[in-house]
Amino acid sequence: MKSSASSPAEVQLDKVIFSYGEGVFSFDVTCRAGHVTAIMGPSGSGKSTLLNLVAGFEKPASGHILIGNRNVTHDSPARRPVSMVFQENNLFAHLNVEQNVGLGRSPSLRLTKADHAAIIDALARTGLEAKNKRLPGELSGGERQRVALARVLVRERPVLLLDEPFASLGPALREDMLDLVAALQKERAMTVLFVTHQPEDAQRISHDMIFIETGHVVAQGPVQDFFSKAGPEAFQRYIGTQQAG
């Protein structure tokens, strides 16, 4: 099922300044519509802060946030055309798989026939149709993240934010989930911003990359450029440290 609501949406942080304690974050960057952009950088550099600003969970002190040329700087998270998947997947333990997915259509779970059809389709796309009545506690970590992705699909938002959702999974399962994200992104023409610490994950599914240090974007561009011998010095230094560690 292709979403009628989906049309590629550019994400722009226009001279955005955000302060948190003694830290000051400054983002001036554009993520291409309908592409996957990996966001990398050392711990505490501001990767999750950037996502939270786009999602509306944090408010900038100055600057503007635009999604699909619409200024959403002062919009609440619920009003933004964005879905987000966290590392802890945010499932309700007392609701089964089908109900957790249904929350993406209606927080009260008052679902129409069209809603139920969308849920069935999303469960099929994520390989969960046989587990629709199970509770989250009866699922593996990978299956719980599939539920979170299914909920994204029924929300039909053009922008997907991923904050290291597969970090706790083993390598093989993480690759399966990345491939599923890539397939869904291509099918729905979603704009995906993807925080990761794993260079190989960025290489696997991303078109572009943003590299952040100390609250600033220090490099951005096509992902293959980062992994060339002439790649940004800050990124080369970072992956060298990662590999040495």
C-alpha atoms as a PDB file:
ATOM      1  CA  MET A   1       0.000   0.000   0.000  1.00  0.00           C
ATOM      2  CA  LYS A   2       1.470   3.355  -0.965  1.00  0.00           C
ATOM      3  CA  SER A   3       0.599   6.306   1.185  1.00  0.00           C
ATOM      4  CA  SER A   4      -1.424   8.988  -0.483  1.00  0.00           C
ATOM      5  CA  ALA A   5      -0.217  11.399   2.215  1.00  0.00           C
ATOM      6  CA  SER A   6       3.447  10.832   1.427  1.00  0.00           C
ATOM      7  CA  SER A   7       5.308  13.313  -0.682  1.00  0.00           C
ATOM      8  CA  PRO A   8       9.025  13.876  -0.120  1.00  0.00           C
ATOM      9  CA  ALA A   9       9.703  16.646   2.393  1.00  0.00           C
ATOM     10  CA  GLU A  10      12.966  18.501   2.845  1.00  0.00           C
ATOM     11  CA  VAL A  11      14.054  19.102   6.451  1.00  0.00           C
ATOM     12  CA  GLN A  12      15.915  22.336   7.161  1.00  0.00           C
ATOM     13  CA  LEU A  13      17.375  23.751  10.355  1.00  0.00           C
ATOM     14  CA  ASP A  14      17.962  27.395   9.475  1.00  0.00           C
ATOM     15  CA  LYS A  15      20.489  29.036  11.815  1.00  0.00           C
ATOM     16  CA  VAL A  16      19.006  27.170  14.792  1.00  0.00           C
ATOM     17  CA  ILE A  17      20.508  27.892  18.223  1.00  0.00           C
ATOM     18  CA  PHE A  18      19.614  25.753  21.234  1.00  0.00           C
ATOM     19  CA  SER A  19      21.016  26.029  24.772  1.00  0.00           C
ATOM     20  CA  TYR A  20      21.007  23.265  27.347  1.00  0.00           C
ATOM     21  CA  GLY A  21      22.792  23.957  30.627  1.00  0.00           C
ATOM     22  CA  GLU A  22      26.229  25.200  29.661  1.00  0.00           C
ATOM     23  CA  GLY A  23      26.025  23.642  26.213  1.00  0.00           C
ATOM     24  CA  VAL A  24      25.160  25.657  23.115  1.00  0.00           C
ATOM     25  CA  PHE A  25      24.127  23.840  19.946  1.00  0.00           C
ATOM     26  CA  SER A  26      24.132  25.531  16.559  1.00  0.00           C
ATOM     27  CA  PHE A  27      22.633  23.791  13.518  1.00  0.00           C
ATOM     28  CA  ASP A  28      22.435  25.197  10.002  1.00  0.00           C
ATOM     29  CA  VAL A  29      21.791  22.240   7.735  1.00  0.00           C
ATOM     30  CA  THR A  30      19.414  20.817   5.125  1.00  0.00           C
ATOM     31  CA  CYS A  31      18.420  17.163   4.689  1.00  0.00           C
ATOM     32  CA  ARG A  32      17.331  16.253   1.177  1.00  0.00           C
ATOM     33  CA  ALA A  33      13.730  15.263   0.559  1.00  0.00           C
ATOM     34  CA  GLY A  34      13.155  11.550   0.019  1.00  0.00           C
ATOM     35  CA  HIS A  35      16.677  10.572   1.105  1.00  0.00           C
ATOM     36  CA  VAL A  36      18.235   8.849   4.129  1.00  0.00           C
ATOM     37  CA  THR A  37      20.625  11.098   6.046  1.00  0.00           C
ATOM     38  CA  ALA A  38      22.873   9.510   8.664  1.00  0.00           C
ATOM     39  CA  ILE A  39      23.783  11.664  11.657  1.00  0.00           C
ATOM     40  CA  MET A  40      27.052  10.726  13.309  1.00  0.00           C
ATOM     41  CA  GLY A  41      29.404  12.180  15.889  1.00  0.00           C
ATOM     42  CA  PRO A  42      30.869  11.541  19.342  1.00  0.00           C
ATOM     43  CA  SER A  43      28.594  10.909  22.314  1.00  0.00           C
ATOM     44  CA  GLY A  44      27.146  14.154  23.629  1.00  0.00           C
ATOM     45  CA  SER A  45      27.870  16.062  20.426  1.00  0.00           C
ATOM     46  CA  GLY A  46      24.212  16.892  19.769  1.00  0.00           C
ATOM     47  CA  LYS A  47      22.889  14.136  17.491  1.00  0.00           C
ATOM     48  CA  SER A  48      19.752  13.409  19.529  1.00  0.00           C
ATOM     49  CA  THR A  49      19.309  17.129  20.196  1.00  0.00           C
ATOM     50  CA  LEU A  50      19.084  17.737  16.451  1.00  0.00           C
ATOM     51  CA  LEU A  51      16.385  15.061  16.117  1.00  0.00           C
ATOM     52  CA  ASN A  52      14.489  16.402  19.118  1.00  0.00           C
ATOM     53  CA  LEU A  53      14.476  19.887  17.587  1.00  0.00           C
ATOM     54  CA  VAL A  54      13.016  18.514  14.346  1.00  0.00           C
ATOM     55  CA  ALA A  55      10.446  16.467  16.278  1.00  0.00           C
ATOM     56  CA  GLY A  56       9.453  19.438  18.458  1.00  0.00           C
ATOM     57  CA  PHE A  57      10.530  17.942  21.782  1.00  0.00           C
ATOM     58  CA  GLU A  58      13.014  20.805  22.136  1.00  0.00           C
ATOM     59  CA  LYS A  59      12.479  24.457  21.188  1.00  0.00           C
ATOM     60  CA  PRO A  60      15.255  26.583  19.673  1.00  0.00           C
ATOM     61  CA  ALA A  61      16.290  29.896  21.200  1.00  0.00           C
ATOM     62  CA  SER A  62      16.518  31.305  17.672  1.00  0.00           C
ATOM     63  CA  GLY A  63      16.379  30.220  14.061  1.00  0.00           C
ATOM     64  CA  HIS A  64      13.750  28.284  12.153  1.00  0.00           C
ATOM     65  CA  ILE A  65      12.868  24.641  11.506  1.00  0.00           C
ATOM     66  CA  LEU A  66      11.215  23.920   8.177  1.00  0.00           C
ATOM     67  CA  ILE A  67       9.718  20.654   6.963  1.00  0.00           C
ATOM     68  CA  GLY A  68       8.632  20.605   3.351  1.00  0.00           C
ATOM     69  CA  ASN A  69       8.968  24.418   3.221  1.00  0.00           C
ATOM     70  CA  ARG A  70       6.545  24.736   6.142  1.00  0.00           C
ATOM     71  CA  ASN A  71       7.816  26.597   9.196  1.00  0.00           C
ATOM     72  CA  VAL A  72       7.154  24.232  12.129  1.00  0.00           C
ATOM     73  CA  THR A  73       9.362  26.045  14.670  1.00  0.00           C
ATOM     74  CA  HIS A  74       6.464  26.780  16.999  1.00  0.00           C
ATOM     75  CA  ASP A  75       4.328  23.721  16.205  1.00  0.00           C
ATOM     76  CA  SER A  76       3.781  21.057  18.852  1.00  0.00           C
ATOM     77  CA  PRO A  77       5.197  17.572  18.144  1.00  0.00           C
ATOM     78  CA  ALA A  78       1.698  16.281  17.324  1.00  0.00           C
ATOM     79  CA  ARG A  79       1.266  18.891  14.579  1.00  0.00           C
ATOM     80  CA  ARG A  80       4.536  18.120  12.812  1.00  0.00           C
ATOM     81  CA  PRO A  81       4.614  15.733   9.818  1.00  0.00           C
ATOM     82  CA  VAL A  82       7.098  13.519  11.617  1.00  0.00           C
ATOM     83  CA  SER A  83       7.300  10.048  13.165  1.00  0.00           C
ATOM     84  CA  MET A  84      10.085   8.985  15.523  1.00  0.00           C
ATOM     85  CA  VAL A  85      11.441   5.604  16.601  1.00  0.00           C
ATOM     86  CA  PHE A  86      13.519   5.505  19.780  1.00  0.00           C
ATOM     87  CA  GLN A  87      15.956   2.903  21.064  1.00  0.00           C
ATOM     88  CA  GLU A  88      13.416   1.782  23.688  1.00  0.00           C
ATOM     89  CA  ASN A  89      10.602   1.597  21.048  1.00  0.00           C
ATOM     90  CA  ASN A  90       7.933   3.093  23.381  1.00  0.00           C
ATOM     91  CA  LEU A  91       5.430   0.220  23.282  1.00  0.00           C
ATOM     92  CA  PHE A  92       2.630  -0.163  25.822  1.00  0.00           C
ATOM     93  CA  ALA A  93       3.119  -3.425  27.711  1.00  0.00           C
ATOM     94  CA  HIS A  94      -0.616  -4.010  28.287  1.00  0.00           C
ATOM     95  CA  LEU A  95      -1.561  -3.606  24.608  1.00  0.00           C
ATOM     96  CA  ASN A  96      -1.019  -6.283  21.982  1.00  0.00           C
ATOM     97  CA  VAL A  97       0.892  -5.775  18.743  1.00  0.00           C
ATOM     98  CA  GLU A  98      -2.177  -4.785  16.732  1.00  0.00           C
ATOM     99  CA  GLN A  99      -3.269  -2.263  19.360  1.00  0.00           C
ATOM    100  CA  ASN A 100       0.206  -0.744  19.699  1.00  0.00           C
ATOM    101  CA  VAL A 101       0.293  -0.239  15.940  1.00  0.00           C
ATOM    102  CA  GLY A 102      -3.252   1.131  15.995  1.00  0.00           C
ATOM    103  CA  LEU A 103      -2.140   3.947  18.289  1.00  0.00           C
ATOM    104  CA  GLY A 104      -0.439   5.417  15.247  1.00  0.00           C
ATOM    105  CA  ARG A 105      -3.883   5.992  13.722  1.00  0.00           C
ATOM    106  CA  SER A 106      -5.877   6.858  16.834  1.00  0.00           C
ATOM    107  CA  PRO A 107      -4.561   7.434  20.390  1.00  0.00           C
ATOM    108  CA  SER A 108      -7.998   6.333  21.661  1.00  0.00           C
ATOM    109  CA  LEU A 109      -7.957   3.208  19.443  1.00  0.00           C
ATOM    110  CA  ARG A 110     -11.273   4.192  17.897  1.00  0.00           C
ATOM    111  CA  LEU A 111     -10.453   2.661  14.546  1.00  0.00           C
ATOM    112  CA  THR A 112     -12.343   2.738  11.249  1.00  0.00           C
ATOM    113  CA  LYS A 113     -12.355   0.015   8.595  1.00  0.00           C
ATOM    114  CA  ALA A 114      -9.695   2.002   6.733  1.00  0.00           C
ATOM    115  CA  ASP A 115      -7.588   2.131   9.902  1.00  0.00           C
ATOM    116  CA  HIS A 116      -7.842  -1.643  10.369  1.00  0.00           C
ATOM    117  CA  ALA A 117      -6.869  -2.193   6.726  1.00  0.00           C
ATOM    118  CA  ALA A 118      -3.822   0.053   7.162  1.00  0.00           C
ATOM    119  CA  ILE A 119      -2.821  -1.844  10.315  1.00  0.00           C
ATOM    120  CA  ILE A 120      -3.119  -5.231   8.611  1.00  0.00           C
ATOM    121  CA  ASP A 121      -1.005  -3.955   5.715  1.00  0.00           C
ATOM    122  CA  ALA A 122       1.658  -2.534   8.041  1.00  0.00           C
ATOM    123  CA  LEU A 123       1.866  -5.789  10.002  1.00  0.00           C
ATOM    124  CA  ALA A 124       2.309  -7.706   6.753  1.00  0.00           C
ATOM    125  CA  ARG A 125       5.018  -5.305   5.543  1.00  0.00           C
ATOM    126  CA  THR A 126       6.962  -5.771   8.775  1.00  0.00           C
ATOM    127  CA  GLY A 127       6.441  -9.557   9.045  1.00  0.00           C
ATOM    128  CA  LEU A 128       4.229  -9.404  12.131  1.00  0.00           C
ATOM    129  CA  GLU A 129       0.881 -10.614  10.803  1.00  0.00           C
ATOM    130  CA  ALA A 130       1.132 -13.907  12.740  1.00  0.00           C
ATOM    131  CA  LYS A 131       1.978 -12.116  15.995  1.00  0.00           C
ATOM    132  CA  ASN A 132      -0.734  -9.448  15.987  1.00  0.00           C
ATOM    133  CA  LYS A 133      -2.280 -10.591  19.295  1.00  0.00           C
ATOM    134  CA  ARG A 134       0.964 -10.958  21.255  1.00  0.00           C
ATOM    135  CA  LEU A 135       2.016  -8.569  24.003  1.00  0.00           C
ATOM    136  CA  PRO A 136       5.374  -6.745  23.762  1.00  0.00           C
ATOM    137  CA  GLY A 137       6.763  -8.897  26.564  1.00  0.00           C
ATOM    138  CA  GLU A 138       6.281 -11.955  24.370  1.00  0.00           C
ATOM    139  CA  LEU A 139       8.372 -10.514  21.528  1.00  0.00           C
ATOM    140  CA  SER A 140      12.082 -10.382  20.828  1.00  0.00           C
ATOM    141  CA  GLY A 141      13.905  -7.055  20.700  1.00  0.00           C
ATOM    142  CA  GLY A 142      13.870  -7.080  16.920  1.00  0.00           C
ATOM    143  CA  GLU A 143      10.156  -7.863  16.828  1.00  0.00           C
ATOM    144  CA  ARG A 144       9.412  -4.965  19.179  1.00  0.00           C
ATOM    145  CA  GLN A 145      11.262  -2.611  16.850  1.00  0.00           C
ATOM    146  CA  ARG A 146       9.232  -4.000  13.943  1.00  0.00           C
ATOM    147  CA  VAL A 147       6.092  -3.032  15.861  1.00  0.00           C
ATOM    148  CA  ALA A 148       7.462   0.502  16.229  1.00  0.00           C
ATOM    149  CA  LEU A 149       8.133   0.638  12.469  1.00  0.00           C
ATOM    150  CA  ALA A 150       4.648  -0.687  11.692  1.00  0.00           C
ATOM    151  CA  ARG A 151       3.223   2.139  13.803  1.00  0.00           C
ATOM    152  CA  VAL A 152       5.282   4.586  11.725  1.00  0.00           C
ATOM    153  CA  LEU A 153       3.754   3.190   8.536  1.00  0.00           C
ATOM    154  CA  VAL A 154       0.158   3.671   9.648  1.00  0.00           C
ATOM    155  CA  ARG A 155       0.912   7.254  10.713  1.00  0.00           C
ATOM    156  CA  GLU A 156       1.772   8.095   7.090  1.00  0.00           C
ATOM    157  CA  ARG A 157       4.127  10.958   7.870  1.00  0.00           C
ATOM    158  CA  PRO A 158       6.694  12.036   5.257  1.00  0.00           C
ATOM    159  CA  VAL A 159       9.590  12.345   7.741  1.00  0.00           C
ATOM    160  CA  LEU A 160      10.983   9.506   9.877  1.00  0.00           C
ATOM    161  CA  LEU A 161      13.443  10.147  12.721  1.00  0.00           C
ATOM    162  CA  LEU A 162      15.460   7.191  14.033  1.00  0.00           C
ATOM    163  CA  ASP A 163      17.427   7.669  17.260  1.00  0.00           C
ATOM    164  CA  GLU A 164      19.680   4.596  17.369  1.00  0.00           C
ATOM    165  CA  PRO A 165      16.674   2.239  17.437  1.00  0.00           C
ATOM    166  CA  PHE A 166      18.721  -0.870  16.622  1.00  0.00           C
ATOM    167  CA  ALA A 167      21.770  -0.230  18.814  1.00  0.00           C
ATOM    168  CA  SER A 168      20.919  -3.052  21.229  1.00  0.00           C
ATOM    169  CA  LEU A 169      20.439  -5.666  18.489  1.00  0.00           C
ATOM    170  CA  GLY A 170      23.065  -8.133  17.306  1.00  0.00           C
ATOM    171  CA  PRO A 171      24.833  -7.474  13.974  1.00  0.00           C
ATOM    172  CA  ALA A 172      22.747  -9.834  11.798  1.00  0.00           C
ATOM    173  CA  LEU A 173      19.419  -8.669  13.212  1.00  0.00           C
ATOM    174  CA  ARG A 174      20.516  -5.031  13.006  1.00  0.00           C
ATOM    175  CA  GLU A 175      21.285  -5.493   9.309  1.00  0.00           C
ATOM    176  CA  ASP A 176      17.837  -7.048   8.756  1.00  0.00           C
ATOM    177  CA  MET A 177      16.179  -4.053  10.421  1.00  0.00           C
ATOM    178  CA  LEU A 178      18.267  -1.574   8.426  1.00  0.00           C
ATOM    179  CA  ASP A 179      17.283  -3.325   5.207  1.00  0.00           C
ATOM    180  CA  LEU A 180      13.625  -3.143   6.254  1.00  0.00           C
ATOM    181  CA  VAL A 181      13.969   0.602   6.911  1.00  0.00           C
ATOM    182  CA  ALA A 182      15.608   1.059   3.503  1.00  0.00           C
ATOM    183  CA  ALA A 183      12.803  -0.857   1.775  1.00  0.00           C
ATOM    184  CA  LEU A 184      10.076   1.093   3.571  1.00  0.00           C
ATOM    185  CA  GLN A 185      11.831   4.398   2.891  1.00  0.00           C
ATOM    186  CA  LYS A 186      12.031   3.647  -0.811  1.00  0.00           C
ATOM    187  CA  GLU A 187       8.420   2.469  -0.974  1.00  0.00           C
ATOM    188  CA  ARG A 188       7.052   5.531   0.843  1.00  0.00           C
ATOM    189  CA  ALA A 189       9.591   8.117  -0.412  1.00  0.00           C
ATOM    190  CA  MET A 190      10.171   9.133   3.208  1.00  0.00           C
ATOM    191  CA  THR A 191      12.838  11.558   4.341  1.00  0.00           C
ATOM    192  CA  VAL A 192      14.788   9.695   7.037  1.00  0.00           C
ATOM    193  CA  LEU A 193      17.164  11.195   9.620  1.00  0.00           C
ATOM    194  CA  PHE A 194      19.075   8.385  11.239  1.00  0.00           C
ATOM    195  CA  VAL A 195      21.341   8.719  14.290  1.00  0.00           C
ATOM    196  CA  THR A 196      23.942   5.974  14.536  1.00  0.00           C
ATOM    197  CA  HIS A 197      27.370   5.287  16.029  1.00  0.00           C
ATOM    198  CA  GLN A 198      28.057   2.545  13.454  1.00  0.00           C
ATOM    199  CA  PRO A 199      29.804   3.678  10.234  1.00  0.00           C
ATOM    200  CA  GLU A 200      28.778   0.446   8.507  1.00  0.00           C
ATOM    201  CA  ASP A 201      25.102   1.200   9.216  1.00  0.00           C
ATOM    202  CA  ALA A 202      25.454   4.604   7.583  1.00  0.00           C
ATOM    203  CA  GLN A 203      27.130   3.017   4.569  1.00  0.00           C
ATOM    204  CA  ARG A 204      24.423   0.371   4.303  1.00  0.00           C
ATOM    205  CA  ILE A 205      21.325   2.551   3.910  1.00  0.00           C
ATOM    206  CA  SER A 206      22.229   6.266   3.859  1.00  0.00           C
ATOM    207  CA  HIS A 207      22.501   8.624   0.909  1.00  0.00           C
ATOM    208  CA  ASP A 208      23.920  11.580   2.839  1.00  0.00           C
ATOM    209  CA  MET A 209      25.682  12.180   6.137  1.00  0.00           C
ATOM    210  CA  ILE A 210      25.885  14.932   8.724  1.00  0.00           C
ATOM    211  CA  PHE A 211      28.814  14.830  11.149  1.00  0.00           C
ATOM    212  CA  ILE A 212      28.461  16.742  14.416  1.00  0.00           C
ATOM    213  CA  GLU A 213      31.113  17.757  16.940  1.00  0.00           C
ATOM    214  CA  THR A 214      30.573  19.849  20.080  1.00  0.00           C
ATOM    215  CA  GLY A 215      27.100  20.921  19.020  1.00  0.00           C
ATOM    216  CA  HIS A 216      27.970  22.017  15.476  1.00  0.00           C
ATOM    217  CA  VAL A 217      27.691  20.446  12.037  1.00  0.00           C
ATOM    218  CA  VAL A 218      31.314  20.215  10.922  1.00  0.00           C
ATOM    219  CA  ALA A 219      30.772  18.209   7.722  1.00  0.00           C
ATOM    220  CA  GLN A 220      27.891  17.180   5.470  1.00  0.00           C
ATOM    221  CA  GLY A 221      27.486  15.645   2.025  1.00  0.00           C
ATOM    222  CA  PRO A 222      27.037  12.351   0.150  1.00  0.00           C
ATOM    223  CA  VAL A 223      27.837   9.387   2.360  1.00  0.00           C
ATOM    224  CA  GLN A 224      30.420   7.947  -0.057  1.00  0.00           C
ATOM    225  CA  ASP A 225      32.473  11.128   0.251  1.00  0.00           C
ATOM    226  CA  PHE A 226      32.923  10.524   3.971  1.00  0.00           C
ATOM    227  CA  PHE A 227      34.459   7.100   3.369  1.00  0.00           C
ATOM    228  CA  SER A 228      36.862   8.201   0.649  1.00  0.00           C
ATOM    229  CA  LYS A 229      40.517   8.932   1.386  1.00  0.00           C
ATOM    230  CA  ALA A 230      39.695  12.619   1.042  1.00  0.00           C
ATOM    231  CA  GLY A 231      36.819  12.390   3.530  1.00  0.00           C
ATOM    232  CA  PRO A 232      36.328  15.049   6.228  1.00  0.00           C
ATOM    233  CA  GLU A 233      39.183  15.064   8.736  1.00  0.00           C
ATOM    234  CA  ALA A 234      36.868  15.130  11.763  1.00  0.00           C
ATOM    235  CA  PHE A 235      35.038  12.037  10.535  1.00  0.00           C
ATOM    236  CA  GLN A 236      38.255  10.182   9.684  1.00  0.00           C
ATOM    237  CA  ARG A 237      39.540  10.953  13.152  1.00  0.00           C
ATOM    238  CA  TYR A 238      36.278   9.729  14.692  1.00  0.00           C
ATOM    239  CA  ILE A 239      36.149   6.370  12.923  1.00  0.00           C
ATOM    240  CA  GLY A 240      39.846   5.857  13.602  1.00  0.00           C
ATOM    241  CA  THR A 241      39.147   6.289  17.316  1.00  0.00           C
ATOM    242  CA  GLN A 242      36.150   3.955  17.075  1.00  0.00           C
ATOM    243  CA  GLN A 243      38.146   1.236  15.338  1.00  0.00           C
ATOM    244  CA  ALA A 244      41.046   1.615  17.734  1.00  0.00           C
ATOM    245  CA  GLY A 245      38.632   1.253  20.645  1.00  0.00           C
END
